[in-house]
Amino acid sequence: MVQMQVPAAIAAQPRRQRTWRSKERPVAGLITLPLLVPFLLFVIVPIGYVIYLSFTRFNGIGDPRWIGIGNYVAAMSDQSWWRAVGNTFILGFGQMLIELPVALFLAILLNRRLRLGGVYRTIYFVPHVISVAVMGVVFYFLLRPLNGVINGLLSPLGLVDPQMDWLGHDWSARLVLIVASAWFGFGVNTVLFLVGLQTIPRELYESAAVEGANAWQQFRFIVLPLLAPVLRVVVMLSIVFSMRAFDIVKTLTGGGPAGATDVMFTNLFNYFFGYDRGVQYGYASALAVIASIIIGILSIVYLLLSRTRNVEKAR
């Protein structure tokens, strides 16, 4: 009888487990449903609708007319669009070349337990929480040709013309956007770098100093290798946010002069809401899809390259 009862108990256990799991699954589904519905309504459905519009000709009046890949074919030969793509890369990588080294340098200084370190961290983080519209107005008053603060400081030294129009020339407008974007974003990267630096044991610095390593050697052989995970995240976020640049360009230059600072999202914005080119929802949707693909490809390439380097170092 004992031999008959043991198999029966063992056979009954999976049934109880299946019964328990089958009861929990509907409850788990009901719990996640409130979060899933907004995601579907405000993320998946709009994305699907934009993709659908990208294959149509639609100006907001009447019904969309299906034209297949016509919008994508037109985008391939649209010089203003590809100029905006090039400007996006120039402004994005120019911003990163300034923003990341400055953020890392400040994080290293703050990691040395300076007096009022918390105050400095707050000051550096303030630009990130300021409204972009306010920041655009501030930079405009700093750089305006007449009675601008920058011209007032540099013109007595003979460095610039007293009425230098920083936003009226191609090179200077790009430079202003790069500096403004770097100023806006370096604070949050400083905080991220600082968090990564604080995870590095100070015993490693002390051991390296005993062995005779100078500050540069400590930075190269201790800080950079151990900070690599945080550095990858920071670079990845910087790539994505710089490629999505819109608000600072729209508020400060509007894409001018003559489209010299036009980026991907200001370009397609003009087709969505602008009247100088006419409202073209279908074509703008195609440009939005292309921009998303460009950002996705760039992000994937960076992740693959960084992963390949990690594998090579592990070997």
C-alpha atoms as a PDB file:
ATOM      1  CA  MET A   1       0.000   0.000   0.000  1.00  0.00           C
ATOM      2  CA  VAL A   2       2.906   2.297   0.661  1.00  0.00           C
ATOM      3  CA  GLN A   3       4.146   1.753  -2.885  1.00  0.00           C
ATOM      4  CA  MET A   4       0.706   2.714  -4.240  1.00  0.00           C
ATOM      5  CA  GLN A   5       0.422   5.904  -2.145  1.00  0.00           C
ATOM      6  CA  VAL A   6       3.805   7.389  -3.008  1.00  0.00           C
ATOM      7  CA  PRO A   7       3.281   7.500  -6.780  1.00  0.00           C
ATOM      8  CA  ALA A   8      -0.204   8.919  -6.210  1.00  0.00           C
ATOM      9  CA  ALA A   9       1.225  11.751  -4.065  1.00  0.00           C
ATOM     10  CA  ILE A  10       3.949  12.437  -6.602  1.00  0.00           C
ATOM     11  CA  ALA A  11       1.417  12.463  -9.418  1.00  0.00           C
ATOM     12  CA  ALA A  12      -0.857  14.822  -7.544  1.00  0.00           C
ATOM     13  CA  GLN A  13       1.890  17.395  -6.897  1.00  0.00           C
ATOM     14  CA  PRO A  14       2.239  18.572 -10.527  1.00  0.00           C
ATOM     15  CA  ARG A  15      -1.540  18.938 -10.733  1.00  0.00           C
ATOM     16  CA  ARG A  16      -1.499  21.211  -7.703  1.00  0.00           C
ATOM     17  CA  GLN A  17       1.356  23.230  -9.202  1.00  0.00           C
ATOM     18  CA  ARG A  18      -0.468  23.535 -12.507  1.00  0.00           C
ATOM     19  CA  THR A  19      -3.628  24.550 -10.697  1.00  0.00           C
ATOM     20  CA  TRP A  20      -1.749  27.204  -8.702  1.00  0.00           C
ATOM     21  CA  ARG A  21      -0.080  28.603 -11.804  1.00  0.00           C
ATOM     22  CA  SER A  22      -3.279  28.587 -13.782  1.00  0.00           C
ATOM     23  CA  LYS A  23      -4.941  30.642 -11.040  1.00  0.00           C
ATOM     24  CA  GLU A  24      -2.056  33.133 -10.818  1.00  0.00           C
ATOM     25  CA  ARG A  25      -1.778  33.833 -14.543  1.00  0.00           C
ATOM     26  CA  PRO A  26      -5.151  35.585 -14.870  1.00  0.00           C
ATOM     27  CA  VAL A  27      -4.396  37.637 -11.741  1.00  0.00           C
ATOM     28  CA  ALA A  28      -0.990  38.635 -13.132  1.00  0.00           C
ATOM     29  CA  GLY A  29      -2.637  39.535 -16.425  1.00  0.00           C
ATOM     30  CA  LEU A  30      -5.208  41.720 -14.687  1.00  0.00           C
ATOM     31  CA  ILE A  31      -2.472  43.478 -12.703  1.00  0.00           C
ATOM     32  CA  THR A  32      -0.415  44.309 -15.829  1.00  0.00           C
ATOM     33  CA  LEU A  33      -3.427  45.195 -17.979  1.00  0.00           C
ATOM     34  CA  PRO A  34      -3.794  48.782 -16.690  1.00  0.00           C
ATOM     35  CA  LEU A  35      -0.154  49.425 -17.663  1.00  0.00           C
ATOM     36  CA  LEU A  36      -0.474  47.666 -21.000  1.00  0.00           C
ATOM     37  CA  VAL A  37      -3.490  49.627 -22.201  1.00  0.00           C
ATOM     38  CA  PRO A  38      -1.847  53.100 -22.081  1.00  0.00           C
ATOM     39  CA  PHE A  39       1.269  51.638 -23.711  1.00  0.00           C
ATOM     40  CA  LEU A  40      -0.812  50.282 -26.575  1.00  0.00           C
ATOM     41  CA  LEU A  41      -2.907  53.440 -26.936  1.00  0.00           C
ATOM     42  CA  PHE A  42      -0.143  56.029 -26.677  1.00  0.00           C
ATOM     43  CA  VAL A  43       2.888  54.157 -28.053  1.00  0.00           C
ATOM     44  CA  ILE A  44       2.072  51.189 -30.273  1.00  0.00           C
ATOM     45  CA  VAL A  45      -1.012  52.633 -31.979  1.00  0.00           C
ATOM     46  CA  PRO A  46       0.609  56.028 -32.827  1.00  0.00           C
ATOM     47  CA  ILE A  47       3.737  54.303 -34.133  1.00  0.00           C
ATOM     48  CA  GLY A  48       1.643  51.994 -36.277  1.00  0.00           C
ATOM     49  CA  TYR A  49      -0.398  54.929 -37.572  1.00  0.00           C
ATOM     50  CA  VAL A  50       2.739  56.897 -38.471  1.00  0.00           C
ATOM     51  CA  ILE A  51       4.110  53.893 -40.346  1.00  0.00           C
ATOM     52  CA  TYR A  52       0.797  53.582 -42.209  1.00  0.00           C
ATOM     53  CA  LEU A  53       0.787  57.303 -43.084  1.00  0.00           C
ATOM     54  CA  SER A  54       4.336  57.000 -44.420  1.00  0.00           C
ATOM     55  CA  PHE A  55       2.937  54.949 -47.305  1.00  0.00           C
ATOM     56  CA  THR A  56       0.224  57.474 -48.131  1.00  0.00           C
ATOM     57  CA  ARG A  57      -0.230  60.996 -49.462  1.00  0.00           C
ATOM     58  CA  PHE A  58      -2.149  62.962 -46.879  1.00  0.00           C
ATOM     59  CA  ASN A  59      -2.376  66.676 -46.132  1.00  0.00           C
ATOM     60  CA  GLY A  60      -4.920  66.469 -43.333  1.00  0.00           C
ATOM     61  CA  ILE A  61      -7.894  67.032 -45.637  1.00  0.00           C
ATOM     62  CA  GLY A  62      -9.848  64.096 -46.950  1.00  0.00           C
ATOM     63  CA  ASP A  63      -8.660  60.511 -46.667  1.00  0.00           C
ATOM     64  CA  PRO A  64      -5.064  59.302 -46.957  1.00  0.00           C
ATOM     65  CA  ARG A  65      -4.268  57.991 -50.446  1.00  0.00           C
ATOM     66  CA  TRP A  66      -2.048  54.920 -50.652  1.00  0.00           C
ATOM     67  CA  ILE A  67       1.087  55.521 -52.755  1.00  0.00           C
ATOM     68  CA  GLY A  68       3.333  52.681 -51.564  1.00  0.00           C
ATOM     69  CA  ILE A  69       6.993  53.598 -51.132  1.00  0.00           C
ATOM     70  CA  GLY A  70       6.631  56.878 -53.012  1.00  0.00           C
ATOM     71  CA  ASN A  71       7.462  58.984 -49.952  1.00  0.00           C
ATOM     72  CA  TYR A  72      10.600  56.957 -49.257  1.00  0.00           C
ATOM     73  CA  VAL A  73      11.729  57.274 -52.880  1.00  0.00           C
ATOM     74  CA  ALA A  74      11.210  61.049 -52.684  1.00  0.00           C
ATOM     75  CA  ALA A  75      13.194  61.210 -49.430  1.00  0.00           C
ATOM     76  CA  MET A  76      16.188  59.492 -51.041  1.00  0.00           C
ATOM     77  CA  SER A  77      16.601  62.431 -53.436  1.00  0.00           C
ATOM     78  CA  ASP A  78      15.615  65.186 -50.991  1.00  0.00           C
ATOM     79  CA  GLN A  79      18.787  67.236 -50.567  1.00  0.00           C
ATOM     80  CA  SER A  80      17.384  69.335 -47.724  1.00  0.00           C
ATOM     81  CA  TRP A  81      16.606  66.164 -45.759  1.00  0.00           C
ATOM     82  CA  TRP A  82      20.077  64.674 -46.158  1.00  0.00           C
ATOM     83  CA  ARG A  83      21.601  68.022 -45.313  1.00  0.00           C
ATOM     84  CA  ALA A  84      19.586  67.926 -42.100  1.00  0.00           C
ATOM     85  CA  VAL A  85      20.865  64.382 -41.447  1.00  0.00           C
ATOM     86  CA  GLY A  86      24.438  65.609 -41.900  1.00  0.00           C
ATOM     87  CA  ASN A  87      23.819  68.548 -39.572  1.00  0.00           C
ATOM     88  CA  THR A  88      22.428  66.162 -36.974  1.00  0.00           C
ATOM     89  CA  PHE A  89      25.625  64.122 -37.004  1.00  0.00           C
ATOM     90  CA  ILE A  90      27.816  67.244 -36.915  1.00  0.00           C
ATOM     91  CA  LEU A  91      25.939  68.810 -34.018  1.00  0.00           C
ATOM     92  CA  GLY A  92      25.539  65.506 -32.164  1.00  0.00           C
ATOM     93  CA  PHE A  93      29.150  64.368 -32.265  1.00  0.00           C
ATOM     94  CA  GLY A  94      30.429  67.910 -31.753  1.00  0.00           C
ATOM     95  CA  GLN A  95      28.320  68.080 -28.612  1.00  0.00           C
ATOM     96  CA  MET A  96      29.691  64.750 -27.369  1.00  0.00           C
ATOM     97  CA  LEU A  97      33.302  65.808 -27.985  1.00  0.00           C
ATOM     98  CA  ILE A  98      32.791  68.704 -25.572  1.00  0.00           C
ATOM     99  CA  GLU A  99      30.228  67.313 -23.170  1.00  0.00           C
ATOM    100  CA  LEU A 100      31.718  63.915 -22.244  1.00  0.00           C
ATOM    101  CA  PRO A 101      35.317  65.012 -21.474  1.00  0.00           C
ATOM    102  CA  VAL A 102      34.067  67.988 -19.439  1.00  0.00           C
ATOM    103  CA  ALA A 103      31.618  65.775 -17.520  1.00  0.00           C
ATOM    104  CA  LEU A 104      34.312  63.169 -16.783  1.00  0.00           C
ATOM    105  CA  PHE A 105      36.825  65.819 -15.685  1.00  0.00           C
ATOM    106  CA  LEU A 106      34.335  67.450 -13.305  1.00  0.00           C
ATOM    107  CA  ALA A 107      33.293  64.056 -11.940  1.00  0.00           C
ATOM    108  CA  ILE A 108      36.935  63.224 -11.142  1.00  0.00           C
ATOM    109  CA  LEU A 109      37.314  66.544  -9.316  1.00  0.00           C
ATOM    110  CA  LEU A 110      34.103  66.030  -7.331  1.00  0.00           C
ATOM    111  CA  ASN A 111      35.163  62.490  -6.454  1.00  0.00           C
ATOM    112  CA  ARG A 112      38.071  63.912  -4.452  1.00  0.00           C
ATOM    113  CA  ARG A 113      35.681  64.985  -1.691  1.00  0.00           C
ATOM    114  CA  LEU A 114      35.974  68.698  -2.227  1.00  0.00           C
ATOM    115  CA  ARG A 115      34.378  71.130   0.164  1.00  0.00           C
ATOM    116  CA  LEU A 116      30.779  71.919  -0.771  1.00  0.00           C
ATOM    117  CA  GLY A 117      30.789  68.987  -3.191  1.00  0.00           C
ATOM    118  CA  GLY A 118      27.015  68.689  -2.955  1.00  0.00           C
ATOM    119  CA  VAL A 119      26.630  72.360  -3.877  1.00  0.00           C
ATOM    120  CA  TYR A 120      28.837  71.912  -6.934  1.00  0.00           C
ATOM    121  CA  ARG A 121      26.867  68.848  -8.036  1.00  0.00           C
ATOM    122  CA  THR A 122      23.637  70.830  -7.749  1.00  0.00           C
ATOM    123  CA  ILE A 123      25.061  73.745  -9.730  1.00  0.00           C
ATOM    124  CA  TYR A 124      26.279  71.468 -12.512  1.00  0.00           C
ATOM    125  CA  PHE A 125      22.939  69.671 -12.665  1.00  0.00           C
ATOM    126  CA  VAL A 126      20.841  72.855 -12.818  1.00  0.00           C
ATOM    127  CA  PRO A 127      21.136  73.336 -16.630  1.00  0.00           C
ATOM    128  CA  HIS A 128      19.561  69.916 -17.168  1.00  0.00           C
ATOM    129  CA  VAL A 129      16.363  70.920 -15.354  1.00  0.00           C
ATOM    130  CA  ILE A 130      16.010  74.352 -16.942  1.00  0.00           C
ATOM    131  CA  SER A 131      13.365  74.665 -19.624  1.00  0.00           C
ATOM    132  CA  VAL A 132      14.851  74.565 -23.117  1.00  0.00           C
ATOM    133  CA  ALA A 133      12.751  77.580 -24.089  1.00  0.00           C
ATOM    134  CA  VAL A 134      14.224  79.581 -21.218  1.00  0.00           C
ATOM    135  CA  MET A 135      17.704  78.416 -22.144  1.00  0.00           C
ATOM    136  CA  GLY A 136      17.168  79.486 -25.749  1.00  0.00           C
ATOM    137  CA  VAL A 137      16.099  82.964 -24.644  1.00  0.00           C
ATOM    138  CA  VAL A 138      19.125  83.269 -22.351  1.00  0.00           C
ATOM    139  CA  PHE A 139      21.554  82.268 -25.105  1.00  0.00           C
ATOM    140  CA  TYR A 140      19.839  84.636 -27.531  1.00  0.00           C
ATOM    141  CA  PHE A 141      20.385  87.623 -25.215  1.00  0.00           C
ATOM    142  CA  LEU A 142      23.975  86.529 -24.671  1.00  0.00           C
ATOM    143  CA  LEU A 143      24.658  86.296 -28.414  1.00  0.00           C
ATOM    144  CA  ARG A 144      22.473  88.943 -30.013  1.00  0.00           C
ATOM    145  CA  PRO A 145      24.355  91.331 -32.339  1.00  0.00           C
ATOM    146  CA  LEU A 146      23.221  94.519 -30.616  1.00  0.00           C
ATOM    147  CA  ASN A 147      24.160  94.876 -26.941  1.00  0.00           C
ATOM    148  CA  GLY A 148      24.924  91.154 -26.624  1.00  0.00           C
ATOM    149  CA  VAL A 149      26.958  90.073 -23.603  1.00  0.00           C
ATOM    150  CA  ILE A 150      29.417  87.946 -25.613  1.00  0.00           C
ATOM    151  CA  ASN A 151      30.099  90.715 -28.123  1.00  0.00           C
ATOM    152  CA  GLY A 152      30.493  93.167 -25.268  1.00  0.00           C
ATOM    153  CA  LEU A 153      33.179  90.968 -23.702  1.00  0.00           C
ATOM    154  CA  LEU A 154      35.076  89.948 -26.833  1.00  0.00           C
ATOM    155  CA  SER A 155      34.899  93.067 -29.025  1.00  0.00           C
ATOM    156  CA  PRO A 156      37.081  95.258 -26.732  1.00  0.00           C
ATOM    157  CA  LEU A 157      39.772  92.580 -27.040  1.00  0.00           C
ATOM    158  CA  GLY A 158      39.574  92.746 -30.827  1.00  0.00           C
ATOM    159  CA  LEU A 159      38.472  89.115 -31.119  1.00  0.00           C
ATOM    160  CA  VAL A 160      35.110  89.722 -32.825  1.00  0.00           C
ATOM    161  CA  ASP A 161      33.231  92.508 -34.525  1.00  0.00           C
ATOM    162  CA  PRO A 162      31.150  94.606 -32.096  1.00  0.00           C
ATOM    163  CA  GLN A 163      27.993  93.597 -33.989  1.00  0.00           C
ATOM    164  CA  MET A 164      28.921  89.979 -34.685  1.00  0.00           C
ATOM    165  CA  ASP A 165      25.785  87.973 -35.546  1.00  0.00           C
ATOM    166  CA  TRP A 166      26.540  84.596 -34.011  1.00  0.00           C
ATOM    167  CA  LEU A 167      23.274  83.063 -35.176  1.00  0.00           C
ATOM    168  CA  GLY A 168      23.450  84.577 -38.653  1.00  0.00           C
ATOM    169  CA  HIS A 169      26.426  82.606 -40.014  1.00  0.00           C
ATOM    170  CA  ASP A 170      26.674  78.888 -40.752  1.00  0.00           C
ATOM    171  CA  TRP A 171      29.774  78.062 -38.719  1.00  0.00           C
ATOM    172  CA  SER A 172      28.984  80.276 -35.734  1.00  0.00           C
ATOM    173  CA  ALA A 173      25.363  79.083 -35.510  1.00  0.00           C
ATOM    174  CA  ARG A 174      26.530  75.466 -35.454  1.00  0.00           C
ATOM    175  CA  LEU A 175      29.143  76.293 -32.830  1.00  0.00           C
ATOM    176  CA  VAL A 176      26.550  78.015 -30.649  1.00  0.00           C
ATOM    177  CA  LEU A 177      24.224  75.001 -30.838  1.00  0.00           C
ATOM    178  CA  ILE A 178      27.065  72.607 -29.985  1.00  0.00           C
ATOM    179  CA  VAL A 179      28.123  74.660 -26.955  1.00  0.00           C
ATOM    180  CA  ALA A 180      24.539  75.219 -25.772  1.00  0.00           C
ATOM    181  CA  SER A 181      23.687  71.520 -26.086  1.00  0.00           C
ATOM    182  CA  ALA A 182      26.877  70.510 -24.251  1.00  0.00           C
ATOM    183  CA  TRP A 183      26.124  73.010 -21.479  1.00  0.00           C
ATOM    184  CA  PHE A 184      22.607  71.622 -21.194  1.00  0.00           C
ATOM    185  CA  GLY A 185      23.667  67.958 -20.941  1.00  0.00           C
ATOM    186  CA  PHE A 186      27.013  67.781 -19.161  1.00  0.00           C
ATOM    187  CA  GLY A 187      25.462  68.004 -15.688  1.00  0.00           C
ATOM    188  CA  VAL A 188      23.562  64.733 -15.785  1.00  0.00           C
ATOM    189  CA  ASN A 189      26.585  62.963 -17.288  1.00  0.00           C
ATOM    190  CA  THR A 190      28.750  64.371 -14.513  1.00  0.00           C
ATOM    191  CA  VAL A 191      26.425  62.798 -11.957  1.00  0.00           C
ATOM    192  CA  LEU A 192      26.476  59.441 -13.780  1.00  0.00           C
ATOM    193  CA  PHE A 193      30.274  59.462 -13.999  1.00  0.00           C
ATOM    194  CA  LEU A 194      30.507  60.421 -10.335  1.00  0.00           C
ATOM    195  CA  VAL A 195      28.321  57.473  -9.323  1.00  0.00           C
ATOM    196  CA  GLY A 196      30.595  55.160 -11.302  1.00  0.00           C
ATOM    197  CA  LEU A 197      33.755  56.653  -9.772  1.00  0.00           C
ATOM    198  CA  GLN A 198      32.408  56.217  -6.255  1.00  0.00           C
ATOM    199  CA  THR A 199      32.126  52.460  -6.828  1.00  0.00           C
ATOM    200  CA  ILE A 200      35.888  52.175  -7.407  1.00  0.00           C
ATOM    201  CA  PRO A 201      37.639  51.150  -4.142  1.00  0.00           C
ATOM    202  CA  ARG A 202      40.080  53.787  -2.913  1.00  0.00           C
ATOM    203  CA  GLU A 203      42.488  51.007  -1.952  1.00  0.00           C
ATOM    204  CA  LEU A 204      43.283  50.617  -5.635  1.00  0.00           C
ATOM    205  CA  TYR A 205      44.448  54.238  -5.847  1.00  0.00           C
ATOM    206  CA  GLU A 206      46.526  53.821  -2.702  1.00  0.00           C
ATOM    207  CA  SER A 207      48.144  50.631  -3.976  1.00  0.00           C
ATOM    208  CA  ALA A 208      48.897  52.240  -7.324  1.00  0.00           C
ATOM    209  CA  ALA A 209      50.430  55.271  -5.584  1.00  0.00           C
ATOM    210  CA  VAL A 210      52.645  52.990  -3.502  1.00  0.00           C
ATOM    211  CA  GLU A 211      53.818  51.298  -6.698  1.00  0.00           C
ATOM    212  CA  GLY A 212      54.779  54.689  -8.094  1.00  0.00           C
ATOM    213  CA  ALA A 213      51.879  55.262 -10.519  1.00  0.00           C
ATOM    214  CA  ASN A 214      51.224  58.902 -11.307  1.00  0.00           C
ATOM    215  CA  ALA A 215      47.789  60.491 -11.793  1.00  0.00           C
ATOM    216  CA  TRP A 216      47.655  59.764 -15.527  1.00  0.00           C
ATOM    217  CA  GLN A 217      48.592  56.101 -15.016  1.00  0.00           C
ATOM    218  CA  GLN A 218      45.948  55.742 -12.328  1.00  0.00           C
ATOM    219  CA  PHE A 219      43.389  57.262 -14.670  1.00  0.00           C
ATOM    220  CA  ARG A 220      44.394  55.035 -17.591  1.00  0.00           C
ATOM    221  CA  PHE A 221      44.767  51.697 -15.816  1.00  0.00           C
ATOM    222  CA  ILE A 222      42.255  52.029 -12.956  1.00  0.00           C
ATOM    223  CA  VAL A 223      39.598  54.621 -13.721  1.00  0.00           C
ATOM    224  CA  LEU A 224      38.957  53.952 -17.391  1.00  0.00           C
ATOM    225  CA  PRO A 225      38.718  50.111 -17.174  1.00  0.00           C
ATOM    226  CA  LEU A 226      36.487  50.135 -14.094  1.00  0.00           C
ATOM    227  CA  LEU A 227      34.387  53.024 -15.398  1.00  0.00           C
ATOM    228  CA  ALA A 228      33.832  51.319 -18.762  1.00  0.00           C
ATOM    229  CA  PRO A 229      30.272  50.026 -17.986  1.00  0.00           C
ATOM    230  CA  VAL A 230      29.101  53.498 -16.950  1.00  0.00           C
ATOM    231  CA  LEU A 231      30.947  55.061 -19.893  1.00  0.00           C
ATOM    232  CA  ARG A 232      29.121  52.786 -22.340  1.00  0.00           C
ATOM    233  CA  VAL A 233      25.755  53.775 -20.888  1.00  0.00           C
ATOM    234  CA  VAL A 234      26.605  57.479 -20.953  1.00  0.00           C
ATOM    235  CA  VAL A 235      27.845  57.332 -24.549  1.00  0.00           C
ATOM    236  CA  MET A 236      24.768  55.355 -25.598  1.00  0.00           C
ATOM    237  CA  LEU A 237      22.408  57.880 -24.011  1.00  0.00           C
ATOM    238  CA  SER A 238      24.381  60.779 -25.486  1.00  0.00           C
ATOM    239  CA  ILE A 239      24.147  59.295 -28.977  1.00  0.00           C
ATOM    240  CA  VAL A 240      20.401  58.785 -28.730  1.00  0.00           C
ATOM    241  CA  PHE A 241      19.632  62.210 -27.240  1.00  0.00           C
ATOM    242  CA  SER A 242      21.965  64.101 -29.576  1.00  0.00           C
ATOM    243  CA  MET A 243      20.452  62.384 -32.628  1.00  0.00           C
ATOM    244  CA  ARG A 244      16.979  63.346 -31.361  1.00  0.00           C
ATOM    245  CA  ALA A 245      17.900  67.029 -31.073  1.00  0.00           C
ATOM    246  CA  PHE A 246      14.954  69.302 -31.728  1.00  0.00           C
ATOM    247  CA  ASP A 247      13.999  71.709 -28.970  1.00  0.00           C
ATOM    248  CA  ILE A 248      17.286  73.587 -28.639  1.00  0.00           C
ATOM    249  CA  VAL A 249      17.541  74.020 -32.423  1.00  0.00           C
ATOM    250  CA  LYS A 250      13.911  75.101 -32.731  1.00  0.00           C
ATOM    251  CA  THR A 251      14.073  77.667 -29.959  1.00  0.00           C
ATOM    252  CA  LEU A 252      17.511  79.115 -30.712  1.00  0.00           C
ATOM    253  CA  THR A 253      17.980  79.129 -34.505  1.00  0.00           C
ATOM    254  CA  GLY A 254      14.830  77.587 -35.973  1.00  0.00           C
ATOM    255  CA  GLY A 255      17.090  75.686 -38.386  1.00  0.00           C
ATOM    256  CA  GLY A 256      18.587  78.879 -39.826  1.00  0.00           C
ATOM    257  CA  PRO A 257      20.334  80.586 -41.349  1.00  0.00           C
ATOM    258  CA  ALA A 258      18.935  79.174 -44.594  1.00  0.00           C
ATOM    259  CA  GLY A 259      18.727  75.645 -43.202  1.00  0.00           C
ATOM    260  CA  ALA A 260      22.372  75.568 -42.061  1.00  0.00           C
ATOM    261  CA  THR A 261      21.405  74.225 -38.615  1.00  0.00           C
ATOM    262  CA  ASP A 262      18.344  72.267 -39.675  1.00  0.00           C
ATOM    263  CA  VAL A 263      18.390  68.778 -38.101  1.00  0.00           C
ATOM    264  CA  MET A 264      16.301  65.701 -38.794  1.00  0.00           C
ATOM    265  CA  PHE A 265      13.451  66.444 -36.426  1.00  0.00           C
ATOM    266  CA  THR A 266      13.165  70.140 -37.215  1.00  0.00           C
ATOM    267  CA  ASN A 267      13.098  69.214 -40.896  1.00  0.00           C
ATOM    268  CA  LEU A 268      10.247  66.752 -40.572  1.00  0.00           C
ATOM    269  CA  PHE A 269       8.499  69.060 -38.095  1.00  0.00           C
ATOM    270  CA  ASN A 270       8.194  71.632 -40.874  1.00  0.00           C
ATOM    271  CA  TYR A 271       6.353  69.099 -43.028  1.00  0.00           C
ATOM    272  CA  PHE A 272       4.039  68.176 -40.152  1.00  0.00           C
ATOM    273  CA  PHE A 273       3.177  71.664 -38.930  1.00  0.00           C
ATOM    274  CA  GLY A 274       4.882  74.179 -41.203  1.00  0.00           C
ATOM    275  CA  TYR A 275       3.097  76.141 -43.906  1.00  0.00           C
ATOM    276  CA  ASP A 276       6.043  77.282 -46.021  1.00  0.00           C
ATOM    277  CA  ARG A 277       6.375  73.785 -47.501  1.00  0.00           C
ATOM    278  CA  GLY A 278       2.741  72.820 -47.100  1.00  0.00           C
ATOM    279  CA  VAL A 279       1.395  70.280 -44.649  1.00  0.00           C
ATOM    280  CA  GLN A 280       2.466  66.821 -45.817  1.00  0.00           C
ATOM    281  CA  TYR A 281       1.668  64.277 -43.142  1.00  0.00           C
ATOM    282  CA  GLY A 282       2.531  61.295 -45.309  1.00  0.00           C
ATOM    283  CA  TYR A 283       5.971  62.544 -46.300  1.00  0.00           C
ATOM    284  CA  ALA A 284       6.721  63.750 -42.770  1.00  0.00           C
ATOM    285  CA  SER A 285       5.792  60.312 -41.426  1.00  0.00           C
ATOM    286  CA  ALA A 286       8.217  58.690 -43.874  1.00  0.00           C
ATOM    287  CA  LEU A 287      10.974  61.036 -42.698  1.00  0.00           C
ATOM    288  CA  ALA A 288      10.155  60.146 -39.082  1.00  0.00           C
ATOM    289  CA  VAL A 289      10.483  56.436 -39.873  1.00  0.00           C
ATOM    290  CA  ILE A 290      13.805  57.018 -41.660  1.00  0.00           C
ATOM    291  CA  ALA A 291      15.107  59.083 -38.729  1.00  0.00           C
ATOM    292  CA  SER A 292      14.139  56.323 -36.287  1.00  0.00           C
ATOM    293  CA  ILE A 293      15.908  53.739 -38.451  1.00  0.00           C
ATOM    294  CA  ILE A 294      19.061  55.878 -38.586  1.00  0.00           C
ATOM    295  CA  ILE A 295      19.121  56.264 -34.794  1.00  0.00           C
ATOM    296  CA  GLY A 296      18.425  52.558 -34.320  1.00  0.00           C
ATOM    297  CA  ILE A 297      21.208  51.496 -36.694  1.00  0.00           C
ATOM    298  CA  LEU A 298      23.680  53.871 -35.065  1.00  0.00           C
ATOM    299  CA  SER A 299      22.778  52.568 -31.592  1.00  0.00           C
ATOM    300  CA  ILE A 300      23.048  48.927 -32.638  1.00  0.00           C
ATOM    301  CA  VAL A 301      26.414  49.495 -34.338  1.00  0.00           C
ATOM    302  CA  TYR A 302      27.774  51.162 -31.203  1.00  0.00           C
ATOM    303  CA  LEU A 303      26.515  48.348 -28.971  1.00  0.00           C
ATOM    304  CA  LEU A 304      28.030  45.696 -31.240  1.00  0.00           C
ATOM    305  CA  LEU A 305      31.376  47.501 -31.379  1.00  0.00           C
ATOM    306  CA  SER A 306      31.510  47.950 -27.612  1.00  0.00           C
ATOM    307  CA  ARG A 307      30.541  44.309 -27.051  1.00  0.00           C
ATOM    308  CA  THR A 308      33.212  43.138 -29.498  1.00  0.00           C
ATOM    309  CA  ARG A 309      35.856  45.139 -27.652  1.00  0.00           C
ATOM    310  CA  ASN A 310      34.769  43.618 -24.333  1.00  0.00           C
ATOM    311  CA  VAL A 311      35.056  40.108 -25.779  1.00  0.00           C
ATOM    312  CA  GLU A 312      38.520  40.846 -27.142  1.00  0.00           C
ATOM    313  CA  LYS A 313      39.669  42.232 -23.790  1.00  0.00           C
ATOM    314  CA  ALA A 314      38.273  39.162 -22.007  1.00  0.00           C
ATOM    315  CA  ARG A 315      40.380  36.921 -24.244  1.00  0.00           C
END
